[in-house]
Amino acid sequence: MKYNMTYRACFTMLKKTILLLILCNFSALAFAAPFIDANNRWLRSDIQTLADHHIIKVPITQWPIMWASIGDDLDNQVLDEIPEELLRPFKRVIKAYTLATKTAVQNSIDISLANQNAIFTEFADTQREKVQQKITTDIVGDKIAVRLSGSRVINAYDGQDYRLDGSYLGYIWGNWALSIGSVDRWWGPAWKSAHILSSNARPIPSLSIQRNRSTPFESSWLRWIGPWTFETFLGQLENDRAIANAKIWGARFTFKPLESLEIGFNRTAIWAGRGRPKDLKTFYNLFIGNDNIGQDLSRADEPSNQQAGMDLRWHMSSAGVPASFYMQYIGEDKLIKLIPSKATTAYGFETEAFFHHWGSIRAYVEYSNTATSGFLSIRTNNTSYEHSLYRSGYRYHGRVLGASWDNDSVVWSAGIIASNYANQELAISYSNMDLNRDNTARAAPGGNSVTKTHLKVNTVDIRHRYYFKKSYIDTTVNIKDKNINAFDVSGKYRIGLSYHLEF
């Protein structure tokens, strides 16, 4: 059994915390379990529906989302005033919120089976490997929340068969949620890709602080910003990389100056690690962007591998038809006229339809380009998610932290996300992928994690969920028209089945 010391320390601390809370017989619940995890595309779609109709008013493109703000917006609604077509998504979100605020210790078991590992992932795809067994316990108090989630993965591709992914210890301090643990993050409005942080790689053990409620500023000078949230975290990367035990820092500020417009600003940096400077001066240079060789830094003094950028989502309605446009722009290099250069880009459009006797369907079309070019520079290859000093690149346990198709790729996708009135949910998507278009890759330990050569492939993904009273069954089918040899995968088909039980 290969155990990272970070996981051992986290596991020991969580066990002691749970014991302490039980012995102290802590008070009744006063707030929801802090996070809405980035693991349910249908719940996200329902939340998006309510946000597009101004029932939920807080930012929702930064996952995990704090339940406190969502709960406040739900509590402020009068059921009789909600349009009939929104009653179903409203009740589904209320049900999830009620479960999160339940005044009892909550437990769940997950068993997942598939014939091969996953290569490509999208929002909520946290089952990345063949066989996984997981048991989770949640304990929530008026200020403290604990989740202990232990998993066993059979023949894990990264050699870590025992994991604490999904575990955390959280504490509410004023209007801030402080936490330590390993949680999946998804920063951005797209469904198929998030270029700066996605759930493609395993969650990174991190210390985090995030705003609990997204209330606007009281100052008349700043109220125009509207509801806003902020998160910053410091994470520990793995030992088995070019610079062992490097750290990752990230920050995101998301706000809604209009009910129909949400904007997010992002930064991440891989820094420190074995043999690299890690003092406050180094972090200060990282923070102010004094980070590029050729200005006043040598290779020995370069503090980090950074990414920065922004995204937005704008909802509109024409002739009663809802429509939304979204985009993400993430730069890999220094600022030019205050804009990060050598950027990857993503664009998307989505709409939604309601059917009186069936349910609702959300449809989207997305474009993703992970070859760096952007608005202010020409295309450069083998740049995004790579670095000449931190040669393992912007990856964790071999999987990229951003878009799952890695660098130098153009992907067009279209899909639907549907929920009906018969306890069933369905998601279908098609992607046309032009991968690693320049037909080259950096030498190991870097290089495109999916394919080292140019490859065009079409994929179809089908996901179905059926709910019982306290459980559900997920079925997933992925079909590719070509073989891709990555993450111990060989074959064109992936079929998965998982079972979730709450008790």
Protein backbone atom coordinates (compact mmCIF):
# COMPACT_ATOMS: atom_id res chain seq x y z
CA MET A 1 0.00 0.00 0.00
CA LYS A 2 1.50 3.32 -1.08
CA TYR A 3 0.47 6.05 1.31
CA ASN A 4 1.35 9.72 0.89
CA MET A 5 2.31 11.23 4.26
CA THR A 6 -0.10 14.10 3.63
CA TYR A 7 -2.98 11.64 3.60
CA ARG A 8 -1.78 9.93 6.77
CA ALA A 9 -1.61 13.25 8.61
CA CYS A 10 -5.01 14.31 7.31
CA PHE A 11 -6.55 10.94 8.22
CA THR A 12 -5.16 11.07 11.78
CA MET A 13 -6.37 14.62 12.30
CA LEU A 14 -9.87 13.84 11.00
CA LYS A 15 -10.19 10.80 13.30
CA LYS A 16 -9.19 12.87 16.33
CA THR A 17 -11.57 15.67 15.36
CA ILE A 18 -14.53 13.33 14.97
CA LEU A 19 -13.81 11.77 18.38
CA LEU A 20 -13.53 15.21 19.97
CA LEU A 21 -16.83 16.35 18.50
CA ILE A 22 -18.63 13.24 19.70
CA LEU A 23 -17.19 13.55 23.21
CA CYS A 24 -18.15 17.23 23.38
CA ASN A 25 -21.75 16.41 22.36
CA PHE A 26 -21.83 19.52 20.18
CA SER A 27 -24.95 21.66 19.70
CA ALA A 28 -27.78 21.25 17.20
CA LEU A 29 -27.18 22.19 13.60
CA ALA A 30 -27.35 25.85 12.68
CA PHE A 31 -26.08 25.87 9.09
CA ALA A 32 -26.06 23.58 6.10
CA ALA A 33 -23.23 21.16 5.42
CA PRO A 34 -20.85 23.74 4.01
CA PHE A 35 -20.15 22.59 0.45
CA ILE A 36 -22.25 21.63 -2.53
CA ASP A 37 -19.79 19.22 -4.11
CA ALA A 38 -18.80 19.34 -7.78
CA ASN A 39 -20.20 15.83 -8.29
CA ASN A 40 -23.81 16.20 -9.50
CA ARG A 41 -24.45 17.67 -12.98
CA TRP A 42 -28.23 17.45 -12.57
CA LEU A 43 -28.25 19.36 -9.27
CA ARG A 44 -25.99 21.95 -10.89
CA SER A 45 -28.42 22.22 -13.83
CA ASP A 46 -31.34 22.79 -11.43
CA ILE A 47 -29.38 25.44 -9.53
CA GLN A 48 -28.49 27.10 -12.85
CA THR A 49 -32.17 27.10 -13.85
CA LEU A 50 -33.15 28.85 -10.62
CA ALA A 51 -30.30 31.34 -11.03
CA ASP A 52 -31.33 32.16 -14.61
CA HIS A 53 -34.82 32.99 -13.30
CA HIS A 54 -33.39 35.09 -10.44
CA ILE A 55 -34.60 32.77 -7.68
CA ILE A 56 -30.99 32.04 -6.75
CA LYS A 57 -29.08 35.31 -6.85
CA VAL A 58 -25.56 34.34 -5.77
CA PRO A 59 -22.58 33.34 -7.98
CA ILE A 60 -22.67 29.67 -9.02
CA THR A 61 -19.71 29.16 -11.39
CA GLN A 62 -17.24 28.43 -8.56
CA TRP A 63 -17.51 24.89 -7.20
CA PRO A 64 -17.79 23.80 -4.48
CA ILE A 65 -20.57 26.30 -3.70
CA MET A 66 -21.41 27.22 -0.13
CA TRP A 67 -24.86 25.98 0.88
CA ALA A 68 -25.42 29.00 3.16
CA SER A 69 -25.94 31.48 0.31
CA ILE A 70 -28.06 29.09 -1.76
CA GLY A 71 -30.14 28.29 1.33
CA ASP A 72 -30.77 31.96 2.06
CA ASP A 73 -32.10 32.50 -1.47
CA LEU A 74 -34.32 29.41 -1.25
CA ASP A 75 -35.70 30.46 2.14
CA ASN A 76 -36.64 33.87 0.76
CA GLN A 77 -38.94 32.37 -1.88
CA VAL A 78 -42.72 32.02 -1.58
CA LEU A 79 -43.71 28.69 -3.09
CA ASP A 80 -46.99 30.00 -4.53
CA GLU A 81 -45.11 32.67 -6.49
CA ILE A 82 -42.81 30.27 -8.32
CA PRO A 83 -43.82 29.59 -11.97
CA GLU A 84 -45.14 26.09 -12.55
CA GLU A 85 -42.28 25.02 -14.83
CA LEU A 86 -39.77 25.87 -12.07
CA LEU A 87 -41.50 23.96 -9.29
CA ARG A 88 -39.76 20.66 -10.04
CA PRO A 89 -36.18 22.02 -10.10
CA PHE A 90 -37.00 24.17 -7.06
CA LYS A 91 -38.25 21.16 -5.09
CA ARG A 92 -35.24 19.05 -6.11
CA VAL A 93 -32.82 21.73 -4.87
CA ILE A 94 -34.87 22.13 -1.66
CA LYS A 95 -34.65 18.37 -1.13
CA ALA A 96 -30.85 18.43 -1.50
CA TYR A 97 -30.65 21.44 0.83
CA THR A 98 -32.86 19.74 3.44
CA LEU A 99 -30.69 16.62 3.36
CA ALA A 100 -27.56 18.74 3.82
CA THR A 101 -29.07 20.40 6.92
CA LYS A 102 -30.33 17.19 8.48
CA THR A 103 -29.66 16.99 12.23
CA ALA A 104 -28.13 13.54 12.27
CA VAL A 105 -24.86 11.88 11.40
CA GLN A 106 -25.16 10.94 7.72
CA ASN A 107 -23.44 8.01 6.07
CA SER A 108 -23.19 6.73 2.52
CA ILE A 109 -21.63 3.89 0.59
CA ASP A 110 -20.57 4.02 -3.06
CA ILE A 111 -19.54 1.05 -5.19
CA SER A 112 -18.36 1.72 -8.75
CA LEU A 113 -17.36 -0.73 -11.48
CA ALA A 114 -16.14 -0.11 -15.03
CA ASN A 115 -14.29 -2.11 -17.66
CA GLN A 116 -11.53 0.52 -17.96
CA ASN A 117 -10.31 3.83 -16.55
CA ALA A 118 -11.75 7.11 -17.79
CA ILE A 119 -9.66 9.19 -20.21
CA PHE A 120 -11.85 12.26 -20.67
CA THR A 121 -13.93 13.81 -17.92
CA GLU A 122 -16.47 16.60 -17.60
CA PHE A 123 -18.24 18.28 -14.70
CA ALA A 124 -19.15 15.73 -11.97
CA ASP A 125 -17.02 12.90 -13.41
CA THR A 126 -15.22 11.95 -10.22
CA GLN A 127 -15.20 8.18 -10.92
CA ARG A 128 -11.95 8.02 -12.89
CA GLU A 129 -10.89 4.38 -12.44
CA LYS A 130 -12.19 0.85 -12.87
CA VAL A 131 -13.18 -0.33 -9.42
CA GLN A 132 -13.73 1.84 -6.37
CA GLN A 133 -15.39 1.28 -3.00
CA LYS A 134 -16.07 4.30 -0.78
CA ILE A 135 -17.69 4.92 2.59
CA THR A 136 -18.45 8.45 3.79
CA THR A 137 -19.53 9.90 7.13
CA ASP A 138 -20.75 13.50 7.58
CA ILE A 139 -21.01 15.23 10.95
CA VAL A 140 -22.15 18.85 11.04
CA GLY A 141 -22.30 21.24 14.01
CA ASP A 142 -23.09 24.92 14.45
CA LYS A 143 -19.52 25.89 13.57
CA ILE A 144 -17.77 22.68 12.56
CA ALA A 145 -18.32 20.22 9.73
CA VAL A 146 -16.45 16.96 9.22
CA ARG A 147 -16.54 14.57 6.30
CA LEU A 148 -14.48 11.42 6.48
CA SER A 149 -14.45 9.63 3.14
CA GLY A 150 -12.31 6.54 2.75
CA SER A 151 -11.87 4.81 -0.61
CA ARG A 152 -10.27 1.65 -1.89
CA VAL A 153 -9.33 1.57 -5.57
CA ILE A 154 -8.30 -1.73 -7.12
CA ASN A 155 -5.13 -1.48 -9.24
CA ALA A 156 -5.03 2.32 -9.16
CA TYR A 157 -3.11 3.75 -12.12
CA ASP A 158 -1.11 6.04 -9.77
CA GLY A 159 -0.37 3.23 -7.28
CA GLN A 160 -2.46 4.72 -4.44
CA ASP A 161 -5.09 2.09 -3.73
CA TYR A 162 -6.24 3.67 -0.44
CA ARG A 163 -7.39 7.29 -0.45
CA LEU A 164 -9.08 10.01 1.57
CA ASP A 165 -10.31 11.97 -1.45
CA GLY A 166 -13.40 13.98 -0.55
CA SER A 167 -12.58 14.24 3.16
CA TYR A 168 -12.44 17.59 4.92
CA LEU A 169 -12.65 19.43 8.23
CA GLY A 170 -14.48 22.77 8.02
CA TYR A 171 -14.98 25.64 10.46
CA ILE A 172 -17.21 28.71 10.13
CA TRP A 173 -15.53 31.89 11.35
CA GLY A 174 -17.77 34.90 10.91
CA ASN A 175 -18.69 34.88 7.22
CA TRP A 176 -15.76 32.71 6.23
CA ALA A 177 -15.44 28.95 5.90
CA LEU A 178 -12.00 27.58 6.75
CA SER A 179 -11.25 24.02 5.73
CA ILE A 180 -8.55 21.41 5.36
CA GLY A 181 -9.05 18.39 3.14
CA SER A 182 -9.26 17.08 -0.41
CA VAL A 183 -12.26 18.38 -2.36
CA ASP A 184 -12.87 18.59 -6.11
CA ARG A 185 -12.93 22.09 -7.59
CA TRP A 186 -14.44 23.31 -10.84
CA TRP A 187 -13.78 26.97 -11.68
CA GLY A 188 -15.72 28.19 -14.69
CA PRO A 189 -19.14 28.16 -16.41
CA ALA A 190 -18.60 25.34 -18.95
CA TRP A 191 -19.89 21.78 -18.68
CA LYS A 192 -17.20 19.85 -20.60
CA SER A 193 -14.06 21.73 -19.61
CA ALA A 194 -12.67 24.16 -17.05
CA HIS A 195 -9.29 25.37 -18.26
CA ILE A 196 -7.81 26.44 -14.93
CA LEU A 197 -9.29 24.02 -12.36
CA SER A 198 -11.50 21.03 -13.07
CA SER A 199 -12.27 17.69 -11.44
CA ASN A 200 -10.23 15.82 -14.08
CA ALA A 201 -7.40 15.08 -11.63
CA ARG A 202 -7.84 13.77 -8.13
CA PRO A 203 -8.56 16.48 -5.52
CA ILE A 204 -5.45 18.05 -3.98
CA PRO A 205 -5.01 18.09 -0.16
CA SER A 206 -5.41 21.78 0.66
CA LEU A 207 -5.96 24.47 3.23
CA SER A 208 -8.76 26.75 2.07
CA ILE A 209 -10.71 29.85 3.07
CA GLN A 210 -13.93 30.70 1.26
CA ARG A 211 -16.69 33.25 1.78
CA ASN A 212 -19.69 31.55 3.42
CA ARG A 213 -22.46 33.93 2.29
CA SER A 214 -22.24 35.96 -0.90
CA THR A 215 -23.86 39.13 0.45
CA PRO A 216 -23.07 42.39 -1.42
CA PHE A 217 -20.83 45.07 0.01
CA GLU A 218 -22.61 47.57 2.26
CA SER A 219 -20.57 50.48 0.90
CA SER A 220 -22.39 52.55 -1.73
CA TRP A 221 -19.10 52.66 -3.68
CA LEU A 222 -18.91 48.89 -3.97
CA ARG A 223 -22.54 47.75 -4.00
CA TRP A 224 -22.49 47.71 -7.80
CA ILE A 225 -20.39 44.53 -7.58
CA GLY A 226 -23.49 42.72 -6.35
CA PRO A 227 -23.34 39.31 -4.63
CA TRP A 228 -19.78 38.07 -4.55
CA THR A 229 -17.66 35.22 -3.28
CA PHE A 230 -13.95 34.54 -2.90
CA GLU A 231 -11.82 31.47 -2.27
CA THR A 232 -8.11 31.00 -1.83
CA PHE A 233 -6.33 27.73 -1.09
CA LEU A 234 -2.85 26.31 -0.61
CA GLY A 235 -2.40 22.69 -1.67
CA GLN A 236 0.30 20.04 -1.45
CA LEU A 237 1.21 18.18 -4.64
CA GLU A 238 2.59 14.67 -4.77
CA ASN A 239 6.13 13.46 -4.09
CA ASP A 240 6.52 11.61 -7.39
CA ARG A 241 7.08 14.57 -9.75
CA ALA A 242 10.04 16.42 -11.24
CA ILE A 243 10.16 18.80 -8.26
CA ALA A 244 8.90 16.71 -5.38
CA ASN A 245 6.28 18.06 -2.98
CA ALA A 246 5.69 21.28 -4.88
CA LYS A 247 2.79 23.39 -3.64
CA ILE A 248 -0.11 24.94 -5.50
CA TRP A 249 -1.81 28.21 -4.59
CA GLY A 250 -5.09 29.33 -6.09
CA ALA A 251 -7.55 32.19 -5.75
CA ARG A 252 -10.87 33.05 -7.41
CA PHE A 253 -13.14 36.09 -7.08
CA THR A 254 -16.64 35.73 -8.54
CA PHE A 255 -19.36 38.39 -8.60
CA LYS A 256 -22.70 39.31 -10.21
CA PRO A 257 -22.96 43.02 -11.06
CA LEU A 258 -26.24 42.20 -12.85
CA GLU A 259 -28.74 39.43 -12.17
CA SER A 260 -28.01 38.09 -15.65
CA LEU A 261 -24.20 38.46 -15.62
CA GLU A 262 -21.62 36.51 -13.61
CA ILE A 263 -17.87 37.21 -13.83
CA GLY A 264 -14.94 35.31 -12.33
CA PHE A 265 -11.24 36.13 -12.00
CA ASN A 266 -8.77 33.26 -11.40
CA ARG A 267 -5.14 32.70 -10.48
CA THR A 268 -3.15 29.59 -9.68
CA ALA A 269 0.56 28.97 -9.16
CA ILE A 270 2.70 25.87 -8.68
CA TRP A 271 5.66 26.87 -6.52
CA ALA A 272 8.12 25.77 -3.80
CA GLY A 273 8.96 22.07 -3.63
CA ARG A 274 12.22 20.24 -3.01
CA GLY A 275 15.21 22.45 -3.75
CA ARG A 276 13.09 25.52 -4.60
CA PRO A 277 12.69 28.72 -2.55
CA LYS A 278 9.57 28.78 -0.39
CA ASP A 279 9.94 31.84 1.83
CA LEU A 280 7.63 34.87 2.05
CA LYS A 281 9.72 36.85 -0.43
CA THR A 282 9.21 34.10 -3.01
CA PHE A 283 5.47 34.10 -2.40
CA TYR A 284 5.41 37.90 -2.60
CA ASN A 285 7.11 37.81 -6.02
CA LEU A 286 4.62 35.14 -7.07
CA PHE A 287 1.68 37.20 -5.81
CA ILE A 288 2.64 40.46 -7.55
CA GLY A 289 3.48 38.65 -10.79
CA ASN A 290 7.26 39.20 -10.68
CA ASP A 291 7.56 35.76 -12.18
CA ASN A 292 9.12 35.78 -15.63
CA ILE A 293 12.73 35.17 -16.60
CA GLY A 294 14.24 37.99 -18.64
CA GLN A 295 12.86 40.80 -16.52
CA ASP A 296 14.79 40.86 -13.23
CA LEU A 297 14.78 37.16 -12.43
CA SER A 298 17.19 34.33 -13.18
CA ARG A 299 16.15 30.69 -13.60
CA ALA A 300 17.29 30.00 -10.03
CA ASP A 301 15.03 32.76 -8.69
CA GLU A 302 11.91 32.03 -10.75
CA PRO A 303 9.22 31.49 -8.11
CA SER A 304 6.43 29.60 -9.85
CA ASN A 305 4.44 28.32 -12.81
CA GLN A 306 1.36 30.53 -12.96
CA GLN A 307 -1.95 30.71 -14.77
CA ALA A 308 -4.46 33.56 -14.60
CA GLY A 309 -7.54 34.72 -16.42
CA MET A 310 -11.24 35.35 -16.32
CA ASP A 311 -14.57 33.89 -17.32
CA LEU A 312 -18.12 35.12 -17.62
CA ARG A 313 -21.65 33.87 -18.14
CA TRP A 314 -24.40 36.11 -19.51
CA HIS A 315 -28.02 34.97 -19.51
CA MET A 316 -30.60 36.53 -21.80
CA SER A 317 -34.07 35.76 -23.11
CA SER A 318 -35.38 36.37 -26.62
CA ALA A 319 -39.04 35.84 -27.48
CA GLY A 320 -39.42 33.88 -24.26
CA VAL A 321 -36.59 31.46 -25.14
CA PRO A 322 -33.85 31.34 -22.47
CA ALA A 323 -30.30 31.54 -23.78
CA SER A 324 -26.88 31.97 -22.21
CA PHE A 325 -23.40 32.72 -23.53
CA TYR A 326 -20.24 31.92 -21.58
CA MET A 327 -16.50 32.05 -22.12
CA GLN A 328 -13.19 31.46 -20.34
CA TYR A 329 -9.78 33.02 -21.07
CA ILE A 330 -6.79 31.61 -19.14
CA GLY A 331 -3.28 32.99 -19.75
CA GLU A 332 -0.03 31.08 -19.33
CA ASP A 333 2.48 33.94 -19.47
CA LYS A 334 3.21 37.52 -18.41
CA LEU A 335 0.73 40.39 -18.58
CA ILE A 336 0.53 42.46 -21.75
CA LYS A 337 -1.58 45.59 -21.25
CA LEU A 338 -2.91 44.01 -18.03
CA ILE A 339 -4.12 40.89 -19.89
CA PRO A 340 -2.45 37.46 -19.40
CA SER A 341 -0.79 36.39 -22.67
CA LYS A 342 -0.42 32.97 -24.36
CA ALA A 343 -3.96 32.04 -23.41
CA THR A 344 -6.27 29.09 -23.84
CA THR A 345 -9.91 29.86 -24.59
CA ALA A 346 -13.33 28.28 -24.29
CA TYR A 347 -16.76 29.46 -25.47
CA GLY A 348 -20.23 28.07 -24.97
CA PHE A 349 -23.92 28.59 -25.58
CA GLU A 350 -26.79 26.93 -23.74
CA THR A 351 -30.57 26.99 -23.59
CA GLU A 352 -33.33 25.17 -21.72
CA ALA A 353 -36.81 23.83 -22.43
CA PHE A 354 -39.60 22.67 -20.12
CA PHE A 355 -42.15 19.98 -20.94
CA HIS A 356 -45.30 19.97 -18.84
CA HIS A 357 -45.79 16.20 -18.63
CA TRP A 358 -42.15 15.11 -18.76
CA GLY A 359 -39.53 17.43 -17.26
CA SER A 360 -36.76 19.77 -18.42
CA ILE A 361 -33.84 19.62 -20.85
CA ARG A 362 -30.74 21.83 -20.90
CA ALA A 363 -28.83 21.86 -24.19
CA TYR A 364 -25.35 23.28 -24.78
CA VAL A 365 -22.67 23.70 -27.45
CA GLU A 366 -19.05 24.32 -26.44
CA TYR A 367 -15.70 25.08 -28.07
CA SER A 368 -12.39 24.55 -26.25
CA ASN A 369 -8.91 25.44 -27.53
CA THR A 370 -5.96 24.52 -25.30
CA ALA A 371 -3.27 25.70 -27.74
CA THR A 372 -2.03 29.01 -26.35
CA SER A 373 -2.84 32.03 -28.48
CA GLY A 374 -5.65 34.22 -27.18
CA PHE A 375 -6.23 37.86 -28.03
CA LEU A 376 -2.69 39.21 -27.81
CA SER A 377 -0.29 36.57 -29.12
CA ILE A 378 0.19 34.07 -31.92
CA ARG A 379 -0.27 30.35 -31.38
CA THR A 380 2.49 28.54 -29.50
CA ASN A 381 2.67 24.77 -29.05
CA ASN A 382 3.62 22.66 -26.02
CA THR A 383 3.03 25.64 -23.73
CA SER A 384 -0.27 25.27 -21.91
CA TYR A 385 -0.04 23.06 -18.81
CA GLU A 386 3.78 22.85 -19.29
CA HIS A 387 6.75 24.56 -17.65
CA SER A 388 10.50 24.46 -18.22
CA LEU A 389 11.30 24.39 -14.50
CA TYR A 390 8.30 22.56 -13.01
CA ARG A 391 8.59 19.93 -15.74
CA SER A 392 5.74 17.70 -14.55
CA GLY A 393 3.57 20.58 -15.62
CA TYR A 394 0.15 21.63 -14.45
CA ARG A 395 -0.79 18.08 -13.49
CA TYR A 396 -1.46 15.97 -10.39
CA HIS A 397 -0.81 12.22 -10.36
CA GLY A 398 -0.41 12.40 -14.12
CA ARG A 399 -3.75 14.02 -14.96
CA VAL A 400 -4.01 17.65 -15.99
CA LEU A 401 -5.70 20.02 -13.53
CA GLY A 402 -7.54 21.81 -16.35
CA ALA A 403 -9.23 20.54 -19.52
CA SER A 404 -9.02 16.75 -19.65
CA TRP A 405 -7.74 16.64 -23.28
CA ASP A 406 -4.56 18.46 -22.19
CA ASN A 407 -2.68 20.93 -24.41
CA ASP A 408 -2.69 21.86 -28.13
CA SER A 409 -6.20 20.49 -28.67
CA VAL A 410 -9.43 21.82 -30.17
CA VAL A 411 -12.66 20.20 -29.03
CA TRP A 412 -16.22 20.88 -30.16
CA SER A 413 -18.96 19.43 -27.93
CA ALA A 414 -22.74 19.37 -27.83
CA GLY A 415 -24.92 17.83 -25.18
CA ILE A 416 -28.13 17.69 -23.19
CA ILE A 417 -28.82 17.37 -19.46
CA ALA A 418 -32.35 16.20 -18.71
CA SER A 419 -34.44 15.50 -15.59
CA ASN A 420 -37.92 13.99 -15.71
CA TYR A 421 -40.75 13.41 -13.25
CA ALA A 422 -40.12 9.65 -12.93
CA ASN A 423 -36.96 9.74 -10.75
CA GLN A 424 -34.68 9.55 -13.79
CA GLU A 425 -31.92 11.81 -15.05
CA LEU A 426 -30.11 11.61 -18.37
CA ALA A 427 -27.08 13.31 -19.92
CA ILE A 428 -25.87 12.73 -23.48
CA SER A 429 -22.96 14.48 -25.19
CA TYR A 430 -20.94 14.24 -28.39
CA SER A 431 -17.42 15.62 -28.86
CA ASN A 432 -15.27 16.07 -31.94
CA MET A 433 -11.66 16.13 -30.73
CA ASP A 434 -8.57 17.29 -32.58
CA LEU A 435 -5.93 16.33 -30.04
CA ASN A 436 -2.29 17.44 -29.82
CA ARG A 437 -2.55 19.14 -33.20
CA ASP A 438 1.16 19.93 -33.58
CA ASN A 439 2.03 16.21 -33.38
CA THR A 440 4.77 16.79 -30.76
CA ALA A 441 5.02 16.72 -26.99
CA ARG A 442 7.50 17.72 -24.35
CA ALA A 443 9.73 15.02 -22.93
CA ALA A 444 8.73 13.19 -19.77
CA PRO A 445 7.80 13.98 -17.06
CA GLY A 446 5.86 16.58 -19.04
CA GLY A 447 4.03 16.18 -22.31
CA ASN A 448 0.41 15.75 -23.28
CA SER A 449 -1.07 13.17 -20.89
CA VAL A 450 -3.60 11.83 -23.41
CA THR A 451 -1.59 11.44 -26.62
CA LYS A 452 1.98 12.27 -27.62
CA THR A 453 1.02 12.48 -31.31
CA HIS A 454 -1.72 14.10 -33.34
CA LEU A 455 -5.03 12.26 -33.07
CA LYS A 456 -8.57 13.00 -34.24
CA VAL A 457 -11.30 11.16 -32.38
CA ASN A 458 -15.07 11.35 -31.89
CA THR A 459 -16.66 10.42 -28.58
CA VAL A 460 -20.21 9.86 -27.34
CA ASP A 461 -21.04 9.85 -23.63
CA ILE A 462 -24.32 8.64 -22.11
CA ARG A 463 -25.06 8.92 -18.40
CA HIS A 464 -28.25 7.79 -16.70
CA ARG A 465 -29.30 7.97 -13.05
CA TYR A 466 -32.31 6.30 -11.44
CA TYR A 467 -33.35 7.27 -7.91
CA PHE A 468 -34.83 5.06 -5.21
CA LYS A 469 -35.84 6.30 -1.76
CA LYS A 470 -32.35 6.51 -0.26
CA SER A 471 -30.16 5.35 -3.10
CA TYR A 472 -29.52 5.67 -6.82
CA ILE A 473 -27.89 3.74 -9.64
CA ASP A 474 -25.65 5.43 -12.22
CA THR A 475 -24.98 3.91 -15.62
CA THR A 476 -22.33 5.41 -17.93
CA VAL A 477 -21.34 4.53 -21.48
CA ASN A 478 -18.46 6.11 -23.37
CA ILE A 479 -17.80 5.25 -27.02
CA LYS A 480 -14.75 6.38 -29.03
CA ASP A 481 -14.17 5.74 -32.71
CA LYS A 482 -10.41 5.22 -32.13
CA ASN A 483 -8.25 3.63 -29.48
CA ILE A 484 -6.41 5.96 -27.11
CA ASN A 485 -3.65 4.46 -24.98
CA ALA A 486 -3.63 6.60 -21.84
CA PHE A 487 -4.12 5.91 -18.12
CA ASP A 488 -3.85 2.14 -18.66
CA VAL A 489 -6.73 2.21 -21.16
CA SER A 490 -6.94 0.10 -24.28
CA GLY A 491 -10.26 -0.13 -26.09
CA LYS A 492 -12.97 2.00 -27.62
CA TYR A 493 -15.70 1.40 -25.06
CA ARG A 494 -16.09 2.22 -21.39
CA ILE A 495 -19.14 0.93 -19.54
CA GLY A 496 -19.60 1.80 -15.89
CA LEU A 497 -22.12 1.02 -13.17
CA SER A 498 -22.22 2.55 -9.70
CA TYR A 499 -24.51 2.32 -6.69
CA HIS A 500 -24.96 5.00 -3.99
CA LEU A 501 -26.73 4.25 -0.68
CA GLU A 502 -27.44 6.71 2.15
CA PHE A 503 -28.12 5.55 5.72
